[in-house]
Amino acid sequence: MELILLLLIIAAASFIIAVIITRAEIPFLRKKAGQNIREEGLKSHYSKAGTPSMGGISIIISTCAASLAGAIVFAALWGLHLRGTLVILLVFLGFGFVGFLDDYLKVIKKQNEGFRVKPKFACQMIIAIAFGVLFRMFSEQGSQVYFPGFDCYVDFGIMYVPFIVFAVLAMTNAVNLTDGLDGLASGVTALVSAAFVIAGIIFSGMEAGVGTEQEPGLFFFAALCGGCLGFLVFNKNPAKVFMGDTGSLALGGGIAAAAIVMKLELLLLIIGLLYVIEALSVVLQVGYFKMSGGKRIFKMAPIHHHFEMCGMKETQVVKMFWAFTALCCVVGLIIL
């Protein structure tokens, strides 16, 4: 019960911090970081031009502050090692910094290309490899991966670090692609984070106790849930601020790192299925376009834009995707 209470306090604190910082940053970002809208984008989105971007800074600050404070309190009371929490936050901050550089070049310096693809991906790769190697060194369960539903571990051996690198890079860019509608990425991530808090408690059997490797991920997801909900207050339709790559890359990297630390990385494929679908829709669209000489599977990718072009309102698409994610969370928890 003490742990659950602490997690609720972490989430509430992160929510309050995110609300305060987001409210304060909007006037500044409106002057410095107005969002550009792609010419090939939907006409209904043209009205969003000038909406301040880079608002994900508030999610990053609130999540880091609340999760680290919670971990410190837990360490003082029950002797938790802080290294797991610090590793997750370093990955979270690392990807957030890469996104910040991209946003800075695009929305402040007005360089349409932003952070060029190759150096941007190289930075992401370095962070992912560093995390994979570091986690492999301190993880008590080594290179074993848990398969939910089968209740067993499989040793990935020398393929474990490449597996982690792929998982982190894939999830980071999948969340980035999901961030295309008002409140979509922030709402979905809040649901995913809440589900992982419940999953972590179930998985470790910590309802009344302490002492497993789950705590660092639990603290992070509780704080991330609160931070995303606080940001959603201003990011819901009509959005007063966008998270930008600063927020979306940080979210993806942090989610992947925390799930891996909790040994629930494969559960992310179920609970975070929407992220996977969004990314696959782009891969399929681009691949089919090249193979067919210009034909398309979807009217527009990522898939949330396809539904818009089919006549659905933006708010309807977002609510549908929220509901789908909530269903995925329930299914994932049942399987676990």
C-alpha atoms as a PDB file:
ATOM      1  CA  MET A   1       0.000   0.000   0.000  1.00  0.00           C
ATOM      2  CA  GLU A   2       2.883   2.365   0.739  1.00  0.00           C
ATOM      3  CA  LEU A   3       4.195   1.910  -2.794  1.00  0.00           C
ATOM      4  CA  ILE A   4       0.796   2.497  -4.401  1.00  0.00           C
ATOM      5  CA  LEU A   5       0.314   5.664  -2.364  1.00  0.00           C
ATOM      6  CA  LEU A   6       3.758   6.892  -3.396  1.00  0.00           C
ATOM      7  CA  LEU A   7       2.962   6.216  -7.060  1.00  0.00           C
ATOM      8  CA  LEU A   8      -0.268   8.218  -6.790  1.00  0.00           C
ATOM      9  CA  ILE A   9       1.633  11.101  -5.187  1.00  0.00           C
ATOM     10  CA  ILE A  10       4.259  10.969  -7.959  1.00  0.00           C
ATOM     11  CA  ALA A  11       1.570  11.076 -10.660  1.00  0.00           C
ATOM     12  CA  ALA A  12      -0.269  13.947  -8.966  1.00  0.00           C
ATOM     13  CA  ALA A  13       2.925  15.948  -8.452  1.00  0.00           C
ATOM     14  CA  SER A  14       3.950  15.453 -12.072  1.00  0.00           C
ATOM     15  CA  PHE A  15       0.481  16.544 -13.237  1.00  0.00           C
ATOM     16  CA  ILE A  16       0.643  19.762 -11.208  1.00  0.00           C
ATOM     17  CA  ILE A  17       4.190  20.566 -12.341  1.00  0.00           C
ATOM     18  CA  ALA A  18       3.261  19.943 -15.990  1.00  0.00           C
ATOM     19  CA  VAL A  19       0.201  22.190 -15.784  1.00  0.00           C
ATOM     20  CA  ILE A  20       2.188  25.013 -14.194  1.00  0.00           C
ATOM     21  CA  ILE A  21       5.125  24.808 -16.610  1.00  0.00           C
ATOM     22  CA  THR A  22       2.980  24.361 -19.726  1.00  0.00           C
ATOM     23  CA  ARG A  23       0.855  27.372 -18.811  1.00  0.00           C
ATOM     24  CA  ALA A  24       3.999  29.424 -18.247  1.00  0.00           C
ATOM     25  CA  GLU A  25       5.807  28.302 -21.413  1.00  0.00           C
ATOM     26  CA  ILE A  26       2.984  28.919 -23.903  1.00  0.00           C
ATOM     27  CA  PRO A  27       3.382  32.741 -24.134  1.00  0.00           C
ATOM     28  CA  PHE A  28       7.161  32.408 -24.594  1.00  0.00           C
ATOM     29  CA  LEU A  29       6.889  29.614 -27.161  1.00  0.00           C
ATOM     30  CA  ARG A  30       4.194  31.534 -29.054  1.00  0.00           C
ATOM     31  CA  LYS A  31       6.745  34.264 -29.724  1.00  0.00           C
ATOM     32  CA  LYS A  32       9.689  32.002 -30.489  1.00  0.00           C
ATOM     33  CA  ALA A  33       8.439  28.611 -31.680  1.00  0.00           C
ATOM     34  CA  GLY A  34       5.347  28.808 -33.870  1.00  0.00           C
ATOM     35  CA  GLN A  35       4.559  25.514 -35.652  1.00  0.00           C
ATOM     36  CA  ASN A  36       4.992  25.243 -39.421  1.00  0.00           C
ATOM     37  CA  ILE A  37       2.342  23.221 -41.297  1.00  0.00           C
ATOM     38  CA  ARG A  38       3.420  21.138 -44.294  1.00  0.00           C
ATOM     39  CA  GLU A  39       2.032  22.324 -47.622  1.00  0.00           C
ATOM     40  CA  GLU A  40       1.165  18.728 -48.547  1.00  0.00           C
ATOM     41  CA  GLY A  41      -0.722  18.297 -45.277  1.00  0.00           C
ATOM     42  CA  LEU A  42      -4.461  18.406 -44.669  1.00  0.00           C
ATOM     43  CA  LYS A  43      -6.100  21.772 -45.358  1.00  0.00           C
ATOM     44  CA  SER A  44      -8.024  21.464 -42.093  1.00  0.00           C
ATOM     45  CA  HIS A  45      -4.686  21.728 -40.275  1.00  0.00           C
ATOM     46  CA  TYR A  46      -3.670  25.038 -41.860  1.00  0.00           C
ATOM     47  CA  SER A  47      -5.380  26.921 -39.043  1.00  0.00           C
ATOM     48  CA  LYS A  48      -2.843  25.390 -36.640  1.00  0.00           C
ATOM     49  CA  ALA A  49       0.032  27.330 -38.186  1.00  0.00           C
ATOM     50  CA  GLY A  50       1.686  29.451 -35.531  1.00  0.00           C
ATOM     51  CA  THR A  51       0.580  27.267 -32.618  1.00  0.00           C
ATOM     52  CA  PRO A  52       3.580  27.077 -30.281  1.00  0.00           C
ATOM     53  CA  SER A  53       5.623  23.882 -30.479  1.00  0.00           C
ATOM     54  CA  MET A  54       8.363  22.394 -28.258  1.00  0.00           C
ATOM     55  CA  GLY A  55       5.869  22.190 -25.386  1.00  0.00           C
ATOM     56  CA  GLY A  56       7.167  18.718 -24.551  1.00  0.00           C
ATOM     57  CA  ILE A  57       9.718  20.468 -22.351  1.00  0.00           C
ATOM     58  CA  SER A  58       7.077  20.575 -19.619  1.00  0.00           C
ATOM     59  CA  ILE A  59       6.496  16.811 -19.824  1.00  0.00           C
ATOM     60  CA  ILE A  60      10.233  16.182 -19.581  1.00  0.00           C
ATOM     61  CA  ILE A  61      10.732  18.451 -16.566  1.00  0.00           C
ATOM     62  CA  SER A  62       7.677  17.195 -14.681  1.00  0.00           C
ATOM     63  CA  THR A  63       8.463  13.528 -15.342  1.00  0.00           C
ATOM     64  CA  CYS A  64      12.124  13.838 -14.357  1.00  0.00           C
ATOM     65  CA  ALA A  65      11.378  15.842 -11.216  1.00  0.00           C
ATOM     66  CA  ALA A  66       8.538  13.654  -9.931  1.00  0.00           C
ATOM     67  CA  SER A  67      10.086  10.255 -10.747  1.00  0.00           C
ATOM     68  CA  LEU A  68      13.500  11.163  -9.331  1.00  0.00           C
ATOM     69  CA  ALA A  69      11.956  12.595  -6.161  1.00  0.00           C
ATOM     70  CA  GLY A  70       9.868   9.447  -5.735  1.00  0.00           C
ATOM     71  CA  ALA A  71      12.899   7.211  -6.273  1.00  0.00           C
ATOM     72  CA  ILE A  72      14.912   9.161  -3.696  1.00  0.00           C
ATOM     73  CA  VAL A  73      12.123   8.871  -1.116  1.00  0.00           C
ATOM     74  CA  PHE A  74      11.780   5.155  -1.834  1.00  0.00           C
ATOM     75  CA  ALA A  75      15.548   4.687  -1.554  1.00  0.00           C
ATOM     76  CA  ALA A  76      15.609   6.450   1.793  1.00  0.00           C
ATOM     77  CA  LEU A  77      12.768   4.345   3.179  1.00  0.00           C
ATOM     78  CA  TRP A  78      13.392   0.941   1.589  1.00  0.00           C
ATOM     79  CA  GLY A  79      16.879   0.995   0.109  1.00  0.00           C
ATOM     80  CA  LEU A  80      16.204   1.137  -3.624  1.00  0.00           C
ATOM     81  CA  HIS A  81      19.219   1.610  -5.900  1.00  0.00           C
ATOM     82  CA  LEU A  82      18.814   4.759  -8.000  1.00  0.00           C
ATOM     83  CA  ARG A  83      20.750   3.494 -11.006  1.00  0.00           C
ATOM     84  CA  GLY A  84      17.680   2.078 -12.783  1.00  0.00           C
ATOM     85  CA  THR A  85      15.811   5.369 -12.457  1.00  0.00           C
ATOM     86  CA  LEU A  86      18.846   7.381 -13.561  1.00  0.00           C
ATOM     87  CA  VAL A  87      19.412   5.194 -16.641  1.00  0.00           C
ATOM     88  CA  ILE A  88      15.775   5.582 -17.730  1.00  0.00           C
ATOM     89  CA  LEU A  89      15.897   9.338 -17.234  1.00  0.00           C
ATOM     90  CA  LEU A  90      19.175   9.658 -19.138  1.00  0.00           C
ATOM     91  CA  VAL A  91      17.619   7.889 -22.138  1.00  0.00           C
ATOM     92  CA  PHE A  92      14.495  10.034 -21.753  1.00  0.00           C
ATOM     93  CA  LEU A  93      16.563  13.226 -21.652  1.00  0.00           C
ATOM     94  CA  GLY A  94      18.888  12.074 -24.434  1.00  0.00           C
ATOM     95  CA  PHE A  95      16.085  11.539 -26.930  1.00  0.00           C
ATOM     96  CA  GLY A  96      14.398  14.716 -25.725  1.00  0.00           C
ATOM     97  CA  PHE A  97      17.585  16.650 -26.497  1.00  0.00           C
ATOM     98  CA  VAL A  98      17.752  15.184 -30.022  1.00  0.00           C
ATOM     99  CA  GLY A  99      14.146  16.243 -30.545  1.00  0.00           C
ATOM    100  CA  PHE A 100      14.896  19.681 -29.109  1.00  0.00           C
ATOM    101  CA  LEU A 101      17.697  20.205 -31.639  1.00  0.00           C
ATOM    102  CA  ASP A 102      15.338  19.234 -34.473  1.00  0.00           C
ATOM    103  CA  ASP A 103      12.597  21.560 -33.217  1.00  0.00           C
ATOM    104  CA  TYR A 104      15.049  24.390 -32.615  1.00  0.00           C
ATOM    105  CA  LEU A 105      16.336  24.278 -36.184  1.00  0.00           C
ATOM    106  CA  LYS A 106      12.863  23.945 -37.709  1.00  0.00           C
ATOM    107  CA  VAL A 107      10.646  26.276 -35.697  1.00  0.00           C
ATOM    108  CA  ILE A 108      13.102  28.821 -34.312  1.00  0.00           C
ATOM    109  CA  LYS A 109      15.830  28.934 -36.938  1.00  0.00           C
ATOM    110  CA  LYS A 110      13.205  28.280 -39.675  1.00  0.00           C
ATOM    111  CA  GLN A 111      15.333  25.630 -41.365  1.00  0.00           C
ATOM    112  CA  ASN A 112      12.762  23.384 -43.058  1.00  0.00           C
ATOM    113  CA  GLU A 113      15.051  20.363 -43.041  1.00  0.00           C
ATOM    114  CA  GLY A 114      15.712  20.649 -39.322  1.00  0.00           C
ATOM    115  CA  PHE A 115      18.197  18.188 -37.840  1.00  0.00           C
ATOM    116  CA  ARG A 116      19.307  16.208 -40.895  1.00  0.00           C
ATOM    117  CA  VAL A 117      18.229  12.581 -41.067  1.00  0.00           C
ATOM    118  CA  LYS A 118      21.633  10.883 -40.875  1.00  0.00           C
ATOM    119  CA  PRO A 119      23.092  12.788 -37.890  1.00  0.00           C
ATOM    120  CA  LYS A 120      19.703  12.660 -36.155  1.00  0.00           C
ATOM    121  CA  PHE A 121      19.513   8.893 -36.537  1.00  0.00           C
ATOM    122  CA  ALA A 122      23.176   8.555 -35.550  1.00  0.00           C
ATOM    123  CA  CYS A 123      22.471  10.369 -32.271  1.00  0.00           C
ATOM    124  CA  GLN A 124      19.494   8.119 -31.610  1.00  0.00           C
ATOM    125  CA  MET A 125      21.605   5.046 -32.358  1.00  0.00           C
ATOM    126  CA  ILE A 126      24.354   6.126 -29.954  1.00  0.00           C
ATOM    127  CA  ILE A 127      21.843   6.648 -27.126  1.00  0.00           C
ATOM    128  CA  ALA A 128      20.163   3.297 -27.801  1.00  0.00           C
ATOM    129  CA  ILE A 129      23.457   1.366 -27.944  1.00  0.00           C
ATOM    130  CA  ALA A 130      24.749   3.042 -24.774  1.00  0.00           C
ATOM    131  CA  PHE A 131      21.541   2.128 -22.974  1.00  0.00           C
ATOM    132  CA  GLY A 132      21.627  -1.474 -24.256  1.00  0.00           C
ATOM    133  CA  VAL A 133      25.204  -2.058 -23.161  1.00  0.00           C
ATOM    134  CA  LEU A 134      24.752  -0.320 -19.800  1.00  0.00           C
ATOM    135  CA  PHE A 135      21.541  -2.145 -18.953  1.00  0.00           C
ATOM    136  CA  ARG A 136      23.013  -5.510 -19.983  1.00  0.00           C
ATOM    137  CA  MET A 137      25.827  -4.898 -17.507  1.00  0.00           C
ATOM    138  CA  PHE A 138      23.718  -4.150 -14.427  1.00  0.00           C
ATOM    139  CA  SER A 139      20.576  -6.212 -15.081  1.00  0.00           C
ATOM    140  CA  GLU A 140      20.291  -9.112 -12.632  1.00  0.00           C
ATOM    141  CA  GLN A 141      18.453 -11.179 -15.256  1.00  0.00           C
ATOM    142  CA  GLY A 142      21.063 -10.595 -17.916  1.00  0.00           C
ATOM    143  CA  SER A 143      19.951 -11.165 -21.495  1.00  0.00           C
ATOM    144  CA  GLN A 144      16.657 -12.872 -20.658  1.00  0.00           C
ATOM    145  CA  VAL A 145      13.412 -11.544 -22.137  1.00  0.00           C
ATOM    146  CA  TYR A 146      10.041 -12.242 -20.526  1.00  0.00           C
ATOM    147  CA  PHE A 147       7.211 -13.521 -22.768  1.00  0.00           C
ATOM    148  CA  PRO A 148       3.861 -12.420 -21.298  1.00  0.00           C
ATOM    149  CA  GLY A 149       1.099 -14.989 -21.629  1.00  0.00           C
ATOM    150  CA  PHE A 150       3.626 -17.836 -21.674  1.00  0.00           C
ATOM    151  CA  ASP A 151       5.071 -16.863 -18.272  1.00  0.00           C
ATOM    152  CA  CYS A 152       8.596 -17.755 -19.300  1.00  0.00           C
ATOM    153  CA  TYR A 153      11.958 -16.171 -20.056  1.00  0.00           C
ATOM    154  CA  VAL A 154      14.010 -16.695 -23.202  1.00  0.00           C
ATOM    155  CA  ASP A 155      17.730 -15.950 -23.202  1.00  0.00           C
ATOM    156  CA  PHE A 156      18.583 -13.789 -26.227  1.00  0.00           C
ATOM    157  CA  GLY A 157      22.323 -14.142 -25.624  1.00  0.00           C
ATOM    158  CA  ILE A 158      24.489 -12.019 -27.925  1.00  0.00           C
ATOM    159  CA  MET A 159      21.351 -10.777 -29.699  1.00  0.00           C
ATOM    160  CA  TYR A 160      20.045  -9.075 -26.566  1.00  0.00           C
ATOM    161  CA  VAL A 161      21.777  -5.718 -27.048  1.00  0.00           C
ATOM    162  CA  PRO A 162      20.808  -5.504 -30.764  1.00  0.00           C
ATOM    163  CA  PHE A 163      17.248  -6.394 -29.695  1.00  0.00           C
ATOM    164  CA  ILE A 164      17.221  -3.543 -27.165  1.00  0.00           C
ATOM    165  CA  VAL A 165      18.648  -1.091 -29.695  1.00  0.00           C
ATOM    166  CA  PHE A 166      15.989  -2.021 -32.252  1.00  0.00           C
ATOM    167  CA  ALA A 167      13.194  -1.817 -29.665  1.00  0.00           C
ATOM    168  CA  VAL A 168      14.259   1.627 -28.454  1.00  0.00           C
ATOM    169  CA  LEU A 169      14.714   3.078 -31.944  1.00  0.00           C
ATOM    170  CA  ALA A 170      11.462   1.571 -33.230  1.00  0.00           C
ATOM    171  CA  MET A 171       9.374   2.805 -30.302  1.00  0.00           C
ATOM    172  CA  THR A 172      10.967   6.261 -30.323  1.00  0.00           C
ATOM    173  CA  ASN A 173      10.104   6.869 -33.952  1.00  0.00           C
ATOM    174  CA  ALA A 174       6.693   5.190 -33.660  1.00  0.00           C
ATOM    175  CA  VAL A 175       5.623   7.621 -30.933  1.00  0.00           C
ATOM    176  CA  ASN A 176       7.027  10.462 -33.014  1.00  0.00           C
ATOM    177  CA  LEU A 177       4.769   9.427 -35.922  1.00  0.00           C
ATOM    178  CA  THR A 178       1.764   9.149 -33.586  1.00  0.00           C
ATOM    179  CA  ASP A 179       2.086  12.799 -32.593  1.00  0.00           C
ATOM    180  CA  GLY A 180       0.013  14.294 -35.423  1.00  0.00           C
ATOM    181  CA  LEU A 181      -3.347  15.270 -33.946  1.00  0.00           C
ATOM    182  CA  ASP A 182      -4.350  17.422 -30.969  1.00  0.00           C
ATOM    183  CA  GLY A 183      -4.088  15.349 -27.816  1.00  0.00           C
ATOM    184  CA  LEU A 184      -3.352  12.065 -29.593  1.00  0.00           C
ATOM    185  CA  ALA A 185       0.184  11.223 -28.443  1.00  0.00           C
ATOM    186  CA  SER A 186      -0.225  12.760 -24.985  1.00  0.00           C
ATOM    187  CA  GLY A 187      -3.538  10.981 -24.323  1.00  0.00           C
ATOM    188  CA  VAL A 188      -2.378   7.618 -25.660  1.00  0.00           C
ATOM    189  CA  THR A 189       0.876   7.809 -23.693  1.00  0.00           C
ATOM    190  CA  ALA A 190      -0.993   8.641 -20.480  1.00  0.00           C
ATOM    191  CA  LEU A 191      -3.086   5.474 -20.943  1.00  0.00           C
ATOM    192  CA  VAL A 192      -0.050   3.340 -21.805  1.00  0.00           C
ATOM    193  CA  SER A 193       1.846   4.676 -18.784  1.00  0.00           C
ATOM    194  CA  ALA A 194      -1.045   4.000 -16.402  1.00  0.00           C
ATOM    195  CA  ALA A 195      -1.322   0.452 -17.752  1.00  0.00           C
ATOM    196  CA  PHE A 196       2.388  -0.146 -17.195  1.00  0.00           C
ATOM    197  CA  VAL A 197       2.104   1.025 -13.593  1.00  0.00           C
ATOM    198  CA  ILE A 198      -0.615  -1.580 -13.017  1.00  0.00           C
ATOM    199  CA  ALA A 199       1.346  -4.181 -14.985  1.00  0.00           C
ATOM    200  CA  GLY A 200       4.476  -3.545 -12.941  1.00  0.00           C
ATOM    201  CA  ILE A 201       2.616  -4.001  -9.668  1.00  0.00           C
ATOM    202  CA  ILE A 202       1.002  -7.215 -10.908  1.00  0.00           C
ATOM    203  CA  PHE A 203       4.234  -8.564 -12.381  1.00  0.00           C
ATOM    204  CA  SER A 204       6.298  -8.027  -9.274  1.00  0.00           C
ATOM    205  CA  GLY A 205       3.644  -8.824  -6.688  1.00  0.00           C
ATOM    206  CA  MET A 206       4.412  -5.616  -4.824  1.00  0.00           C
ATOM    207  CA  GLU A 207       0.930  -4.664  -3.631  1.00  0.00           C
ATOM    208  CA  ALA A 208       2.131  -4.753  -0.031  1.00  0.00           C
ATOM    209  CA  GLY A 209       5.875  -4.857  -0.313  1.00  0.00           C
ATOM    210  CA  VAL A 210       9.079  -3.758  -1.904  1.00  0.00           C
ATOM    211  CA  GLY A 211      12.319  -5.104  -3.252  1.00  0.00           C
ATOM    212  CA  THR A 212      12.288  -5.949  -6.963  1.00  0.00           C
ATOM    213  CA  GLU A 213      13.668  -4.366 -10.144  1.00  0.00           C
ATOM    214  CA  GLN A 214      10.253  -2.978 -11.068  1.00  0.00           C
ATOM    215  CA  GLU A 215      10.371   0.230  -9.024  1.00  0.00           C
ATOM    216  CA  PRO A 216      12.415   2.442 -11.405  1.00  0.00           C
ATOM    217  CA  GLY A 217       9.982   1.787 -14.243  1.00  0.00           C
ATOM    218  CA  LEU A 218       6.992   2.238 -11.955  1.00  0.00           C
ATOM    219  CA  PHE A 219       8.186   5.637 -10.786  1.00  0.00           C
ATOM    220  CA  PHE A 220       8.898   6.751 -14.343  1.00  0.00           C
ATOM    221  CA  PHE A 221       5.556   5.593 -15.744  1.00  0.00           C
ATOM    222  CA  ALA A 222       3.609   7.125 -12.850  1.00  0.00           C
ATOM    223  CA  ALA A 223       5.351  10.452 -13.402  1.00  0.00           C
ATOM    224  CA  LEU A 224       4.970  10.217 -17.188  1.00  0.00           C
ATOM    225  CA  CYS A 225       1.251   9.546 -16.851  1.00  0.00           C
ATOM    226  CA  GLY A 226       0.800  12.634 -14.682  1.00  0.00           C
ATOM    227  CA  GLY A 227       3.012  14.759 -16.950  1.00  0.00           C
ATOM    228  CA  CYS A 228       1.122  13.758 -20.096  1.00  0.00           C
ATOM    229  CA  LEU A 229      -2.245  14.451 -18.456  1.00  0.00           C
ATOM    230  CA  GLY A 230      -1.017  17.853 -17.289  1.00  0.00           C
ATOM    231  CA  PHE A 231       0.175  18.656 -20.805  1.00  0.00           C
ATOM    232  CA  LEU A 232      -3.089  17.336 -22.269  1.00  0.00           C
ATOM    233  CA  VAL A 233      -4.964  20.115 -20.461  1.00  0.00           C
ATOM    234  CA  PHE A 234      -3.461  22.496 -23.042  1.00  0.00           C
ATOM    235  CA  ASN A 235      -2.838  20.014 -25.877  1.00  0.00           C
ATOM    236  CA  LYS A 236      -6.418  18.750 -26.316  1.00  0.00           C
ATOM    237  CA  ASN A 237      -8.391  20.075 -29.280  1.00  0.00           C
ATOM    238  CA  PRO A 238      -8.078  22.932 -30.076  1.00  0.00           C
ATOM    239  CA  ALA A 239      -4.450  22.658 -28.969  1.00  0.00           C
ATOM    240  CA  LYS A 240      -2.835  25.697 -27.416  1.00  0.00           C
ATOM    241  CA  VAL A 241       0.592  24.043 -27.668  1.00  0.00           C
ATOM    242  CA  PHE A 242       2.244  21.066 -29.399  1.00  0.00           C
ATOM    243  CA  MET A 243       4.857  18.818 -27.799  1.00  0.00           C
ATOM    244  CA  GLY A 244       7.049  18.795 -30.927  1.00  0.00           C
ATOM    245  CA  ASP A 245       9.847  16.292 -31.484  1.00  0.00           C
ATOM    246  CA  THR A 246      11.184  17.463 -28.114  1.00  0.00           C
ATOM    247  CA  GLY A 247       8.301  15.674 -26.456  1.00  0.00           C
ATOM    248  CA  SER A 248       7.516  12.819 -28.832  1.00  0.00           C
ATOM    249  CA  LEU A 249      11.090  11.496 -29.119  1.00  0.00           C
ATOM    250  CA  ALA A 250      11.528  11.743 -25.355  1.00  0.00           C
ATOM    251  CA  LEU A 251       8.268   9.860 -24.784  1.00  0.00           C
ATOM    252  CA  GLY A 252       9.207   7.043 -27.142  1.00  0.00           C
ATOM    253  CA  GLY A 253      12.709   6.623 -25.767  1.00  0.00           C
ATOM    254  CA  GLY A 254      11.555   6.803 -22.159  1.00  0.00           C
ATOM    255  CA  ILE A 255       8.691   4.344 -22.641  1.00  0.00           C
ATOM    256  CA  ALA A 256      10.964   1.806 -24.308  1.00  0.00           C
ATOM    257  CA  ALA A 257      13.729   2.166 -21.709  1.00  0.00           C
ATOM    258  CA  ALA A 258      11.345   1.861 -18.763  1.00  0.00           C
ATOM    259  CA  ALA A 259       9.593  -1.195 -20.243  1.00  0.00           C
ATOM    260  CA  ILE A 260      12.973  -2.865 -20.839  1.00  0.00           C
ATOM    261  CA  VAL A 261      14.177  -2.131 -17.294  1.00  0.00           C
ATOM    262  CA  MET A 262      10.919  -3.661 -15.992  1.00  0.00           C
ATOM    263  CA  LYS A 263      11.483  -6.734 -18.230  1.00  0.00           C
ATOM    264  CA  LEU A 264       8.112  -6.060 -19.860  1.00  0.00           C
ATOM    265  CA  GLU A 265       9.387  -4.940 -23.248  1.00  0.00           C
ATOM    266  CA  LEU A 266       7.240  -7.410 -25.220  1.00  0.00           C
ATOM    267  CA  LEU A 267       4.132  -6.281 -23.349  1.00  0.00           C
ATOM    268  CA  LEU A 268       4.700  -2.921 -25.017  1.00  0.00           C
ATOM    269  CA  LEU A 269       3.742  -4.526 -28.341  1.00  0.00           C
ATOM    270  CA  ILE A 270       0.263  -5.157 -26.916  1.00  0.00           C
ATOM    271  CA  ILE A 271      -0.354  -2.149 -24.684  1.00  0.00           C
ATOM    272  CA  GLY A 272       1.339   0.194 -27.160  1.00  0.00           C
ATOM    273  CA  LEU A 273      -0.139  -1.468 -30.256  1.00  0.00           C
ATOM    274  CA  LEU A 274      -1.374   1.870 -31.602  1.00  0.00           C
ATOM    275  CA  TYR A 275       2.220   3.123 -31.851  1.00  0.00           C
ATOM    276  CA  VAL A 276       3.095  -0.013 -33.837  1.00  0.00           C
ATOM    277  CA  ILE A 277       0.143   0.438 -36.195  1.00  0.00           C
ATOM    278  CA  GLU A 278       1.011   4.089 -36.806  1.00  0.00           C
ATOM    279  CA  ALA A 279       4.594   3.189 -37.703  1.00  0.00           C
ATOM    280  CA  LEU A 280       3.584   0.211 -39.858  1.00  0.00           C
ATOM    281  CA  SER A 281       1.126   2.366 -41.799  1.00  0.00           C
ATOM    282  CA  VAL A 282       4.003   4.618 -42.852  1.00  0.00           C
ATOM    283  CA  VAL A 283       6.304   1.698 -43.700  1.00  0.00           C
ATOM    284  CA  LEU A 284       3.602   0.008 -45.774  1.00  0.00           C
ATOM    285  CA  GLN A 285       2.619   3.245 -47.495  1.00  0.00           C
ATOM    286  CA  VAL A 286       6.171   4.120 -48.512  1.00  0.00           C
ATOM    287  CA  GLY A 287       7.039   0.562 -49.518  1.00  0.00           C
ATOM    288  CA  TYR A 288       3.917   0.064 -51.621  1.00  0.00           C
ATOM    289  CA  PHE A 289       4.297   3.506 -53.190  1.00  0.00           C
ATOM    290  CA  LYS A 290       7.790   2.608 -54.410  1.00  0.00           C
ATOM    291  CA  MET A 291       6.905  -0.917 -55.520  1.00  0.00           C
ATOM    292  CA  SER A 292       3.717   0.052 -57.356  1.00  0.00           C
ATOM    293  CA  GLY A 293       5.080   3.138 -59.062  1.00  0.00           C
ATOM    294  CA  GLY A 294       3.024   5.696 -57.184  1.00  0.00           C
ATOM    295  CA  LYS A 295      -0.033   3.848 -55.815  1.00  0.00           C
ATOM    296  CA  ARG A 296      -1.097   4.148 -52.158  1.00  0.00           C
ATOM    297  CA  ILE A 297      -2.660   1.831 -49.602  1.00  0.00           C
ATOM    298  CA  PHE A 298      -3.937   4.657 -47.411  1.00  0.00           C
ATOM    299  CA  LYS A 299      -5.222   8.044 -48.472  1.00  0.00           C
ATOM    300  CA  MET A 300      -2.487   9.510 -46.262  1.00  0.00           C
ATOM    301  CA  ALA A 301      -0.039   8.163 -43.689  1.00  0.00           C
ATOM    302  CA  PRO A 302       0.346   7.920 -40.726  1.00  0.00           C
ATOM    303  CA  ILE A 303      -3.004   6.192 -40.482  1.00  0.00           C
ATOM    304  CA  HIS A 304      -4.668   8.842 -38.293  1.00  0.00           C
ATOM    305  CA  HIS A 305      -4.616  11.157 -41.324  1.00  0.00           C
ATOM    306  CA  HIS A 306      -6.238   8.421 -43.429  1.00  0.00           C
ATOM    307  CA  PHE A 307      -9.290   8.467 -41.159  1.00  0.00           C
ATOM    308  CA  GLU A 308      -9.426  12.254 -41.368  1.00  0.00           C
ATOM    309  CA  MET A 309      -9.408  12.089 -45.169  1.00  0.00           C
ATOM    310  CA  CYS A 310     -12.220   9.521 -44.981  1.00  0.00           C
ATOM    311  CA  GLY A 311     -14.399  12.220 -43.427  1.00  0.00           C
ATOM    312  CA  MET A 312     -13.922  11.766 -39.681  1.00  0.00           C
ATOM    313  CA  LYS A 313     -13.369  14.835 -37.527  1.00  0.00           C
ATOM    314  CA  GLU A 314     -10.016  15.148 -35.782  1.00  0.00           C
ATOM    315  CA  THR A 315     -11.634  14.840 -32.370  1.00  0.00           C
ATOM    316  CA  GLN A 316     -13.426  11.651 -33.460  1.00  0.00           C
ATOM    317  CA  VAL A 317     -10.187  10.065 -34.642  1.00  0.00           C
ATOM    318  CA  VAL A 318      -8.428  10.955 -31.392  1.00  0.00           C
ATOM    319  CA  LYS A 319     -11.233   9.563 -29.235  1.00  0.00           C
ATOM    320  CA  MET A 320     -11.342   6.385 -31.342  1.00  0.00           C
ATOM    321  CA  PHE A 321      -7.587   5.906 -30.920  1.00  0.00           C
ATOM    322  CA  TRP A 322      -7.831   6.588 -27.178  1.00  0.00           C
ATOM    323  CA  ALA A 323     -10.554   3.932 -26.907  1.00  0.00           C
ATOM    324  CA  PHE A 324      -8.496   1.473 -28.958  1.00  0.00           C
ATOM    325  CA  THR A 325      -5.480   2.060 -26.701  1.00  0.00           C
ATOM    326  CA  ALA A 326      -7.602   1.580 -23.580  1.00  0.00           C
ATOM    327  CA  LEU A 327      -8.787  -1.755 -25.008  1.00  0.00           C
ATOM    328  CA  CYS A 328      -5.182  -2.770 -25.772  1.00  0.00           C
ATOM    329  CA  CYS A 329      -4.230  -1.898 -22.194  1.00  0.00           C
ATOM    330  CA  VAL A 330      -6.987  -4.141 -20.806  1.00  0.00           C
ATOM    331  CA  VAL A 331      -6.010  -6.996 -23.133  1.00  0.00           C
ATOM    332  CA  GLY A 332      -2.350  -6.623 -22.193  1.00  0.00           C
ATOM    333  CA  LEU A 333      -3.108  -6.709 -18.471  1.00  0.00           C
ATOM    334  CA  ILE A 334      -5.337  -9.769 -18.899  1.00  0.00           C
ATOM    335  CA  ILE A 335      -2.578 -11.569 -20.820  1.00  0.00           C
ATOM    336  CA  LEU A 336      -0.023 -10.645 -18.149  1.00  0.00           C
END
